[in-house]
Amino acid sequence: MRGRPGEREGRSEGLRGSSGVPGANRTRPVRSSCGPFWRVFPIGIIRTPFPRIESVPESGSEPRTAEGQVEVFPEFEEGLEGIERHTRLWLLFLLHCREGFDLTVRRRGSGPLTGLFSTRCPCRPNPIGITLVRLLGRSGRTLRVVGVDMVSGSPLLDIKPFVVSSDDPSGGRTGVEAEAKWEGKR
């Protein structure tokens, strides 16, 4: 089954910016070289033990052992075929509990100001989150995963398998050896 953007109610809204950046409050669809406009829409919902943003652990502050469920909408279930062959998955999701952004932030609320794009701060111009989870099992269109770090009810935008050859350019190496291998790939 193939889906199209805008088939599901509420999917045709444009991207919204935040105050503080000239023109950021306007709705602005993005012109693509592949077609008239592209839109991002949810393909499912992520259920976690974190009901509010304040209950989500800070990135890297503790081991990621929280379990959750990824519920894919029925029209996208066919896209899950073969997912059990992968032990780890990237979840791309909407950071729906935050609005607005600043281009400079303080890491974890203290320290010097640094550029937003050098942090994992959830307040972003395009509020897209990405998390690596471990797949525990699949039942129909529901995936059981561990390692969730998002608010329950977060709209799921995409699922991609973690592939070591693509996603870990160090090949398991660390430090200078890893950097040398990475530079050699360019």
N, C-alpha and C. Protein backbone atom coordinates (compact mmCIF):
# COMPACT_ATOMS: atom_id res chain seq x y z
N MET A 1 0.85 -1.18 0.00
CA MET A 1 0.00 0.00 0.00
C MET A 1 0.88 1.23 0.00
N ARG A 2 0.59 2.16 -0.84
CA ARG A 2 1.35 3.41 -0.89
C ARG A 2 0.52 4.55 -0.35
N GLY A 3 1.16 5.40 0.45
CA GLY A 3 0.45 6.55 1.00
C GLY A 3 0.91 7.82 0.33
N ARG A 4 0.10 8.82 0.41
CA ARG A 4 0.43 10.14 -0.14
C ARG A 4 0.32 11.17 0.96
N PRO A 5 1.18 12.16 0.93
CA PRO A 5 1.04 13.24 1.88
C PRO A 5 -0.34 13.87 1.77
N GLY A 6 -0.93 14.15 2.91
CA GLY A 6 -2.22 14.82 2.92
C GLY A 6 -3.41 13.89 2.92
N GLU A 7 -3.20 12.57 2.81
CA GLU A 7 -4.34 11.65 2.81
C GLU A 7 -4.99 11.57 4.18
N ARG A 8 -4.20 11.70 5.22
CA ARG A 8 -4.70 11.62 6.58
C ARG A 8 -5.04 13.03 7.06
N GLU A 9 -6.10 13.19 7.79
CA GLU A 9 -6.53 14.50 8.25
C GLU A 9 -5.43 15.21 9.02
N GLY A 10 -5.23 16.47 8.78
CA GLY A 10 -4.27 17.26 9.51
C GLY A 10 -2.86 17.19 8.99
N ARG A 11 -2.65 16.53 7.88
CA ARG A 11 -1.29 16.36 7.39
C ARG A 11 -0.84 17.47 6.45
N SER A 12 -1.70 18.34 6.05
CA SER A 12 -1.31 19.29 5.02
C SER A 12 -0.89 20.66 5.57
N GLU A 13 -0.62 20.74 6.86
CA GLU A 13 -0.22 22.01 7.42
C GLU A 13 1.24 22.30 7.08
N GLY A 14 1.56 23.56 6.87
CA GLY A 14 2.93 23.95 6.57
C GLY A 14 3.80 23.94 7.81
N LEU A 15 5.09 24.22 7.62
CA LEU A 15 6.02 24.29 8.73
C LEU A 15 5.87 25.63 9.42
N ARG A 16 6.04 25.66 10.72
CA ARG A 16 5.89 26.89 11.47
C ARG A 16 7.20 27.20 12.19
N GLY A 17 7.62 28.43 12.15
CA GLY A 17 8.85 28.86 12.82
C GLY A 17 8.54 29.40 14.20
N SER A 18 9.44 30.23 14.71
CA SER A 18 9.26 30.79 16.04
C SER A 18 9.62 32.26 16.02
N SER A 19 9.29 32.93 17.12
CA SER A 19 9.63 34.34 17.21
C SER A 19 11.13 34.48 17.44
N GLY A 20 11.66 35.65 17.17
CA GLY A 20 13.08 35.89 17.38
C GLY A 20 13.88 35.82 16.09
N VAL A 21 13.34 35.25 15.05
CA VAL A 21 14.02 35.18 13.76
C VAL A 21 13.10 35.83 12.74
N PRO A 22 13.59 36.83 12.01
CA PRO A 22 12.73 37.53 11.05
C PRO A 22 12.05 36.56 10.09
N GLY A 23 10.73 36.68 9.98
CA GLY A 23 9.98 35.86 9.05
C GLY A 23 9.70 34.45 9.52
N ALA A 24 10.17 34.08 10.71
CA ALA A 24 10.03 32.70 11.16
C ALA A 24 8.60 32.33 11.55
N ASN A 25 7.73 33.31 11.78
CA ASN A 25 6.36 32.98 12.17
C ASN A 25 5.46 32.67 10.99
N ARG A 26 5.96 32.84 9.78
CA ARG A 26 5.15 32.56 8.60
C ARG A 26 5.11 31.07 8.32
N THR A 27 4.00 30.61 7.79
CA THR A 27 3.95 29.25 7.29
C THR A 27 4.75 29.24 6.00
N ARG A 28 5.66 28.27 5.86
CA ARG A 28 6.50 28.27 4.68
C ARG A 28 6.70 26.87 4.13
N PRO A 29 5.92 26.50 3.13
CA PRO A 29 6.17 25.22 2.47
C PRO A 29 7.51 25.27 1.76
N VAL A 30 8.12 24.13 1.56
CA VAL A 30 9.44 24.07 0.95
C VAL A 30 9.32 23.59 -0.49
N ARG A 31 9.89 24.36 -1.41
CA ARG A 31 9.90 24.00 -2.83
C ARG A 31 10.96 22.93 -3.01
N SER A 32 10.63 21.88 -3.70
CA SER A 32 11.54 20.77 -3.94
C SER A 32 11.85 20.66 -5.42
N SER A 33 13.05 20.21 -5.74
CA SER A 33 13.40 20.01 -7.14
C SER A 33 12.71 18.76 -7.70
N CYS A 34 12.16 17.93 -6.82
CA CYS A 34 11.51 16.68 -7.25
C CYS A 34 10.00 16.82 -7.43
N GLY A 35 9.44 17.94 -7.05
CA GLY A 35 8.00 18.10 -7.17
C GLY A 35 7.59 19.45 -6.64
N PRO A 36 6.29 19.73 -6.64
CA PRO A 36 5.83 21.06 -6.28
C PRO A 36 6.17 21.44 -4.83
N PHE A 37 5.71 20.70 -3.86
CA PHE A 37 5.99 20.95 -2.45
C PHE A 37 6.07 19.62 -1.74
N TRP A 38 6.87 19.54 -0.72
CA TRP A 38 6.88 18.33 0.09
C TRP A 38 6.34 18.68 1.47
N ARG A 39 5.73 17.71 2.08
CA ARG A 39 5.15 17.89 3.40
C ARG A 39 5.55 16.69 4.25
N VAL A 40 5.67 16.92 5.54
CA VAL A 40 5.98 15.86 6.48
C VAL A 40 4.70 15.56 7.25
N PHE A 41 4.40 14.28 7.42
CA PHE A 41 3.19 13.89 8.12
C PHE A 41 3.48 12.65 8.95
N PRO A 42 2.76 12.44 10.04
CA PRO A 42 3.00 11.28 10.90
C PRO A 42 2.60 9.96 10.24
N ILE A 43 3.39 8.92 10.54
CA ILE A 43 3.06 7.56 10.10
C ILE A 43 2.66 6.69 11.28
N GLY A 44 2.67 7.27 12.48
CA GLY A 44 2.30 6.53 13.68
C GLY A 44 2.49 7.38 14.92
N ILE A 45 2.40 6.71 16.06
CA ILE A 45 2.51 7.37 17.37
C ILE A 45 3.48 6.56 18.22
N ILE A 46 4.28 7.25 19.04
CA ILE A 46 5.20 6.58 19.95
C ILE A 46 4.64 6.70 21.37
N ARG A 47 4.52 5.56 22.05
CA ARG A 47 4.03 5.52 23.45
C ARG A 47 5.22 5.25 24.36
N THR A 48 5.39 6.09 25.38
CA THR A 48 6.51 5.96 26.31
C THR A 48 6.02 6.14 27.74
N PRO A 49 6.88 5.90 28.73
CA PRO A 49 6.47 6.14 30.12
C PRO A 49 6.57 7.60 30.54
N PHE A 50 6.82 8.51 29.59
CA PHE A 50 7.04 9.91 29.92
C PHE A 50 5.84 10.77 29.47
N PRO A 51 4.91 11.09 30.39
CA PRO A 51 3.71 11.83 30.01
C PRO A 51 3.93 13.31 29.70
N ARG A 52 5.00 13.90 30.27
CA ARG A 52 5.28 15.32 30.08
C ARG A 52 6.75 15.51 29.74
N ILE A 53 7.08 16.60 29.13
CA ILE A 53 8.46 16.85 28.73
C ILE A 53 9.41 16.89 29.93
N GLU A 54 8.90 17.34 31.08
CA GLU A 54 9.73 17.41 32.28
C GLU A 54 10.14 16.03 32.79
N SER A 55 9.40 15.00 32.40
CA SER A 55 9.71 13.65 32.88
C SER A 55 10.69 12.89 31.98
N VAL A 56 11.01 13.45 30.81
CA VAL A 56 11.95 12.81 29.89
C VAL A 56 13.36 13.04 30.40
N PRO A 57 14.17 11.97 30.54
CA PRO A 57 15.55 12.15 31.01
C PRO A 57 16.36 12.98 30.01
N GLU A 58 17.29 13.78 30.53
CA GLU A 58 18.16 14.57 29.65
C GLU A 58 19.02 13.64 28.83
N SER A 59 19.33 14.04 27.63
CA SER A 59 20.15 13.24 26.73
C SER A 59 21.48 12.91 27.38
N GLY A 60 21.78 11.62 27.48
CA GLY A 60 23.06 11.16 28.03
C GLY A 60 23.16 11.22 29.54
N SER A 61 22.10 11.62 30.25
CA SER A 61 22.21 11.77 31.70
C SER A 61 22.09 10.45 32.46
N GLU A 62 21.49 9.45 31.86
CA GLU A 62 21.34 8.15 32.50
C GLU A 62 21.17 7.09 31.42
N PRO A 63 21.40 5.83 31.78
CA PRO A 63 21.23 4.78 30.76
C PRO A 63 19.82 4.80 30.19
N ARG A 64 19.70 4.55 28.90
CA ARG A 64 18.40 4.59 28.24
C ARG A 64 17.78 3.20 28.29
N THR A 65 17.03 2.95 29.35
CA THR A 65 16.43 1.62 29.55
C THR A 65 14.91 1.65 29.49
N ALA A 66 14.33 2.81 29.23
CA ALA A 66 12.88 2.93 29.20
C ALA A 66 12.32 2.20 27.98
N GLU A 67 11.27 1.42 28.21
CA GLU A 67 10.60 0.70 27.12
C GLU A 67 9.42 1.50 26.61
N GLY A 68 9.12 1.31 25.33
CA GLY A 68 7.99 1.99 24.72
C GLY A 68 7.42 1.17 23.59
N GLN A 69 6.38 1.70 22.99
CA GLN A 69 5.75 1.06 21.84
C GLN A 69 5.64 2.06 20.70
N VAL A 70 5.91 1.56 19.50
CA VAL A 70 5.77 2.35 18.30
C VAL A 70 4.56 1.79 17.57
N GLU A 71 3.50 2.58 17.48
CA GLU A 71 2.27 2.15 16.82
C GLU A 71 2.21 2.81 15.44
N VAL A 72 2.37 2.00 14.41
CA VAL A 72 2.33 2.49 13.04
C VAL A 72 0.87 2.50 12.57
N PHE A 73 0.46 3.56 11.90
CA PHE A 73 -0.91 3.63 11.39
C PHE A 73 -1.16 2.48 10.42
N PRO A 74 -2.40 1.97 10.37
CA PRO A 74 -2.71 0.79 9.54
C PRO A 74 -2.27 0.91 8.08
N GLU A 75 -2.38 2.09 7.50
CA GLU A 75 -2.02 2.22 6.08
C GLU A 75 -0.52 2.10 5.83
N PHE A 76 0.30 2.08 6.89
CA PHE A 76 1.75 1.95 6.74
C PHE A 76 2.28 0.61 7.27
N GLU A 77 1.40 -0.28 7.72
CA GLU A 77 1.82 -1.56 8.31
C GLU A 77 2.67 -2.39 7.35
N GLU A 78 2.33 -2.40 6.08
CA GLU A 78 3.07 -3.18 5.09
C GLU A 78 4.54 -2.78 5.06
N GLY A 79 4.84 -1.55 5.38
CA GLY A 79 6.21 -1.06 5.39
C GLY A 79 7.07 -1.64 6.49
N LEU A 80 6.45 -2.35 7.44
CA LEU A 80 7.20 -2.99 8.53
C LEU A 80 7.73 -4.37 8.17
N GLU A 81 7.35 -4.90 7.00
CA GLU A 81 7.81 -6.22 6.60
C GLU A 81 9.33 -6.29 6.65
N GLY A 82 9.86 -7.31 7.32
CA GLY A 82 11.30 -7.54 7.41
C GLY A 82 12.00 -6.75 8.49
N ILE A 83 11.28 -5.94 9.24
CA ILE A 83 11.93 -5.10 10.26
C ILE A 83 12.56 -5.93 11.37
N GLU A 84 12.06 -7.15 11.57
CA GLU A 84 12.59 -8.03 12.62
C GLU A 84 14.04 -8.43 12.35
N ARG A 85 14.52 -8.26 11.13
CA ARG A 85 15.92 -8.58 10.81
C ARG A 85 16.90 -7.58 11.43
N HIS A 86 16.38 -6.49 11.95
CA HIS A 86 17.22 -5.43 12.52
C HIS A 86 17.05 -5.40 14.04
N THR A 87 18.17 -5.23 14.74
CA THR A 87 18.09 -5.16 16.20
C THR A 87 17.95 -3.74 16.70
N ARG A 88 18.44 -2.78 15.92
CA ARG A 88 18.35 -1.37 16.31
C ARG A 88 17.70 -0.57 15.20
N LEU A 89 16.94 0.45 15.63
CA LEU A 89 16.19 1.28 14.69
C LEU A 89 16.35 2.75 15.06
N TRP A 90 16.41 3.58 14.05
CA TRP A 90 16.33 5.03 14.25
C TRP A 90 14.86 5.41 14.17
N LEU A 91 14.38 6.15 15.17
CA LEU A 91 13.02 6.71 15.14
C LEU A 91 13.15 8.21 14.91
N LEU A 92 12.49 8.71 13.89
CA LEU A 92 12.42 10.15 13.66
C LEU A 92 11.02 10.58 14.07
N PHE A 93 10.93 11.61 14.87
CA PHE A 93 9.64 11.99 15.43
C PHE A 93 9.54 13.50 15.57
N LEU A 94 8.33 13.96 15.77
CA LEU A 94 8.06 15.37 15.94
C LEU A 94 8.20 15.74 17.41
N LEU A 95 8.98 16.78 17.69
CA LEU A 95 9.12 17.31 19.04
C LEU A 95 7.92 18.23 19.28
N HIS A 96 6.76 17.63 19.52
CA HIS A 96 5.49 18.35 19.51
C HIS A 96 5.19 19.13 20.78
N CYS A 97 5.99 18.99 21.82
CA CYS A 97 5.70 19.68 23.08
C CYS A 97 6.49 20.97 23.25
N ARG A 98 7.26 21.33 22.25
CA ARG A 98 8.06 22.55 22.33
C ARG A 98 7.69 23.47 21.18
N GLU A 99 7.76 24.76 21.46
CA GLU A 99 7.55 25.75 20.41
C GLU A 99 8.64 26.80 20.55
N GLY A 100 9.02 27.36 19.45
CA GLY A 100 10.02 28.41 19.46
C GLY A 100 11.43 27.86 19.58
N PHE A 101 12.40 28.71 19.27
CA PHE A 101 13.80 28.31 19.37
C PHE A 101 14.67 29.55 19.44
N ASP A 102 15.86 29.38 19.96
CA ASP A 102 16.90 30.40 19.94
C ASP A 102 18.09 29.80 19.21
N LEU A 103 18.80 30.60 18.45
CA LEU A 103 19.95 30.08 17.70
C LEU A 103 21.18 29.89 18.56
N THR A 104 21.18 30.46 19.79
CA THR A 104 22.24 30.17 20.76
C THR A 104 21.56 29.73 22.04
N VAL A 105 22.12 28.70 22.66
CA VAL A 105 21.56 28.12 23.88
C VAL A 105 22.69 27.79 24.85
N ARG A 106 22.31 27.52 26.08
CA ARG A 106 23.27 27.04 27.08
C ARG A 106 23.07 25.54 27.23
N ARG A 107 24.13 24.79 27.14
CA ARG A 107 24.02 23.33 27.30
C ARG A 107 23.48 23.02 28.68
N ARG A 108 22.40 22.28 28.73
CA ARG A 108 21.75 21.89 29.98
C ARG A 108 21.50 23.07 30.91
N GLY A 109 21.25 24.22 30.30
CA GLY A 109 20.84 25.39 31.07
C GLY A 109 21.96 26.15 31.75
N SER A 110 23.23 25.71 31.63
CA SER A 110 24.33 26.44 32.26
C SER A 110 25.51 26.46 31.30
N GLY A 111 26.52 27.22 31.66
CA GLY A 111 27.70 27.30 30.82
C GLY A 111 27.55 28.39 29.78
N PRO A 112 28.55 28.48 28.88
CA PRO A 112 28.53 29.55 27.87
C PRO A 112 27.49 29.28 26.79
N LEU A 113 27.08 30.34 26.12
CA LEU A 113 26.17 30.20 24.99
C LEU A 113 26.90 29.47 23.86
N THR A 114 26.18 28.60 23.18
CA THR A 114 26.74 27.87 22.05
C THR A 114 25.67 27.79 20.96
N GLY A 115 26.07 27.52 19.76
CA GLY A 115 25.13 27.45 18.65
C GLY A 115 24.17 26.28 18.80
N LEU A 116 22.91 26.52 18.51
CA LEU A 116 21.86 25.50 18.62
C LEU A 116 22.23 24.21 17.90
N PHE A 117 22.82 24.31 16.71
CA PHE A 117 23.08 23.13 15.90
C PHE A 117 24.25 22.30 16.41
N SER A 118 24.94 22.78 17.45
CA SER A 118 25.99 21.97 18.07
C SER A 118 25.49 21.33 19.36
N THR A 119 24.16 21.34 19.55
CA THR A 119 23.55 20.75 20.74
C THR A 119 22.43 19.79 20.35
N ARG A 120 21.89 19.08 21.35
CA ARG A 120 20.73 18.22 21.14
C ARG A 120 19.47 18.87 21.73
N CYS A 121 19.50 20.17 21.93
CA CYS A 121 18.36 20.91 22.47
C CYS A 121 17.10 20.62 21.64
N PRO A 122 15.96 20.35 22.31
CA PRO A 122 14.75 20.01 21.57
C PRO A 122 14.02 21.19 20.93
N CYS A 123 14.42 22.42 21.23
CA CYS A 123 13.78 23.59 20.63
C CYS A 123 14.53 23.93 19.35
N ARG A 124 13.95 23.60 18.19
CA ARG A 124 14.64 23.70 16.91
C ARG A 124 13.75 24.35 15.87
N PRO A 125 14.34 24.94 14.80
CA PRO A 125 13.53 25.53 13.73
C PRO A 125 12.58 24.51 13.10
N ASN A 126 13.05 23.30 12.88
CA ASN A 126 12.22 22.19 12.41
C ASN A 126 12.26 21.16 13.53
N PRO A 127 11.20 21.07 14.33
CA PRO A 127 11.24 20.27 15.56
C PRO A 127 11.20 18.76 15.30
N ILE A 128 12.32 18.25 14.77
CA ILE A 128 12.42 16.82 14.46
C ILE A 128 13.41 16.19 15.42
N GLY A 129 12.97 15.13 16.10
CA GLY A 129 13.84 14.38 17.00
C GLY A 129 14.28 13.09 16.34
N ILE A 130 15.42 12.57 16.80
CA ILE A 130 15.93 11.28 16.31
C ILE A 130 16.48 10.52 17.51
N THR A 131 16.10 9.26 17.60
CA THR A 131 16.55 8.42 18.71
C THR A 131 16.83 7.02 18.19
N LEU A 132 17.91 6.44 18.70
CA LEU A 132 18.26 5.07 18.38
C LEU A 132 17.68 4.16 19.46
N VAL A 133 16.86 3.19 19.05
CA VAL A 133 16.24 2.26 19.99
C VAL A 133 16.61 0.82 19.61
N ARG A 134 16.42 -0.07 20.57
CA ARG A 134 16.62 -1.50 20.30
C ARG A 134 15.25 -2.14 20.14
N LEU A 135 15.09 -2.92 19.08
CA LEU A 135 13.82 -3.59 18.81
C LEU A 135 13.72 -4.84 19.67
N LEU A 136 12.65 -4.92 20.46
CA LEU A 136 12.42 -6.10 21.31
C LEU A 136 11.48 -7.08 20.65
N GLY A 137 10.57 -6.59 19.81
CA GLY A 137 9.63 -7.47 19.13
C GLY A 137 8.59 -6.69 18.35
N ARG A 138 7.87 -7.45 17.53
CA ARG A 138 6.81 -6.87 16.72
C ARG A 138 5.55 -7.70 16.86
N SER A 139 4.43 -7.01 16.97
CA SER A 139 3.12 -7.64 16.97
C SER A 139 2.24 -6.82 16.03
N GLY A 140 2.06 -7.33 14.81
CA GLY A 140 1.27 -6.60 13.82
C GLY A 140 1.94 -5.30 13.46
N ARG A 141 1.25 -4.20 13.74
CA ARG A 141 1.78 -2.87 13.41
C ARG A 141 2.37 -2.16 14.63
N THR A 142 2.60 -2.93 15.71
CA THR A 142 3.17 -2.37 16.93
C THR A 142 4.55 -2.96 17.18
N LEU A 143 5.52 -2.07 17.42
CA LEU A 143 6.88 -2.49 17.75
C LEU A 143 7.13 -2.22 19.22
N ARG A 144 7.71 -3.19 19.92
CA ARG A 144 8.16 -2.99 21.30
C ARG A 144 9.64 -2.63 21.22
N VAL A 145 10.02 -1.51 21.84
CA VAL A 145 11.38 -1.02 21.77
C VAL A 145 11.89 -0.61 23.14
N VAL A 146 13.20 -0.53 23.28
CA VAL A 146 13.82 -0.02 24.50
C VAL A 146 14.79 1.08 24.10
N GLY A 147 14.86 2.12 24.95
CA GLY A 147 15.74 3.26 24.70
C GLY A 147 14.99 4.51 24.31
N VAL A 148 13.68 4.56 24.58
CA VAL A 148 12.89 5.74 24.22
C VAL A 148 13.27 6.94 25.10
N ASP A 149 13.23 8.12 24.52
CA ASP A 149 13.54 9.35 25.26
C ASP A 149 12.69 10.52 24.76
N MET A 150 11.43 10.21 24.48
CA MET A 150 10.53 11.24 23.99
C MET A 150 9.22 11.19 24.78
N VAL A 151 8.44 12.25 24.68
CA VAL A 151 7.15 12.34 25.36
C VAL A 151 6.18 11.34 24.74
N SER A 152 5.41 10.67 25.58
CA SER A 152 4.40 9.74 25.08
C SER A 152 3.41 10.49 24.20
N GLY A 153 3.08 9.88 23.07
CA GLY A 153 2.17 10.50 22.12
C GLY A 153 2.90 11.25 21.02
N SER A 154 4.24 11.19 21.02
CA SER A 154 5.00 11.88 19.97
C SER A 154 4.66 11.30 18.60
N PRO A 155 4.37 12.16 17.63
CA PRO A 155 4.08 11.69 16.28
C PRO A 155 5.34 11.10 15.63
N LEU A 156 5.22 9.89 15.12
CA LEU A 156 6.31 9.19 14.44
C LEU A 156 6.36 9.66 12.99
N LEU A 157 7.54 10.11 12.54
CA LEU A 157 7.70 10.58 11.17
C LEU A 157 8.32 9.51 10.27
N ASP A 158 9.22 8.69 10.82
CA ASP A 158 9.87 7.67 10.00
C ASP A 158 10.59 6.68 10.90
N ILE A 159 10.89 5.51 10.34
CA ILE A 159 11.69 4.46 10.98
C ILE A 159 12.76 4.07 9.97
N LYS A 160 14.00 4.01 10.44
CA LYS A 160 15.09 3.56 9.57
C LYS A 160 15.92 2.55 10.35
N PRO A 161 16.38 1.49 9.70
CA PRO A 161 17.23 0.54 10.41
C PRO A 161 18.61 1.15 10.68
N PHE A 162 19.20 0.78 11.80
CA PHE A 162 20.58 1.15 12.09
C PHE A 162 21.45 0.16 11.33
N VAL A 163 22.34 0.68 10.49
CA VAL A 163 23.23 -0.15 9.69
C VAL A 163 24.65 0.25 10.05
N VAL A 164 25.40 -0.67 10.66
CA VAL A 164 26.73 -0.35 11.18
C VAL A 164 27.62 0.27 10.11
N SER A 165 27.63 -0.28 8.91
CA SER A 165 28.53 0.24 7.87
C SER A 165 28.20 1.69 7.49
N SER A 166 26.96 2.10 7.66
CA SER A 166 26.57 3.48 7.33
C SER A 166 26.51 4.38 8.56
N ASP A 167 26.00 3.85 9.66
CA ASP A 167 25.73 4.67 10.83
C ASP A 167 26.87 4.74 11.84
N ASP A 168 27.85 3.86 11.74
CA ASP A 168 29.01 3.89 12.63
C ASP A 168 30.27 3.92 11.78
N PRO A 169 30.62 5.11 11.29
CA PRO A 169 31.78 5.20 10.39
C PRO A 169 33.09 4.80 11.05
N SER A 170 33.14 4.75 12.39
CA SER A 170 34.37 4.36 13.06
C SER A 170 34.58 2.85 12.99
N GLY A 171 33.52 2.09 12.64
CA GLY A 171 33.65 0.64 12.58
C GLY A 171 33.98 0.06 13.95
N GLY A 172 33.57 0.72 15.02
CA GLY A 172 33.84 0.24 16.37
C GLY A 172 35.15 0.75 16.94
N ARG A 173 35.91 1.52 16.18
CA ARG A 173 37.17 2.08 16.66
C ARG A 173 36.87 3.34 17.47
N THR A 174 37.85 3.78 18.23
CA THR A 174 37.68 5.01 19.00
C THR A 174 38.83 5.96 18.74
N GLY A 175 38.65 7.22 19.09
CA GLY A 175 39.71 8.21 19.06
C GLY A 175 40.30 8.49 17.70
N VAL A 176 41.64 8.66 17.64
CA VAL A 176 42.36 9.05 16.44
C VAL A 176 42.17 8.02 15.33
N GLU A 177 42.19 6.73 15.69
CA GLU A 177 42.02 5.67 14.70
C GLU A 177 40.67 5.79 14.00
N ALA A 178 39.62 6.10 14.77
CA ALA A 178 38.28 6.26 14.20
C ALA A 178 38.23 7.46 13.27
N GLU A 179 38.83 8.59 13.68
CA GLU A 179 38.85 9.79 12.85
C GLU A 179 39.56 9.53 11.53
N ALA A 180 40.67 8.80 11.59
CA ALA A 180 41.43 8.48 10.38
C ALA A 180 40.58 7.66 9.42
N LYS A 181 39.85 6.69 9.96
CA LYS A 181 38.99 5.85 9.12
C LYS A 181 37.89 6.71 8.51
N TRP A 182 37.29 7.59 9.31
CA TRP A 182 36.21 8.46 8.83
C TRP A 182 36.72 9.39 7.72
N GLU A 183 37.86 10.01 7.94
CA GLU A 183 38.41 10.92 6.93
C GLU A 183 38.70 10.17 5.65
N GLY A 184 39.13 8.93 5.73
CA GLY A 184 39.43 8.13 4.56
C GLY A 184 38.20 7.78 3.73
N LYS A 185 37.01 7.84 4.36
CA LYS A 185 35.77 7.50 3.66
C LYS A 185 35.29 8.64 2.79
N ARG A 186 35.75 9.85 3.04
CA ARG A 186 35.25 11.01 2.31
C ARG A 186 35.77 11.04 0.92
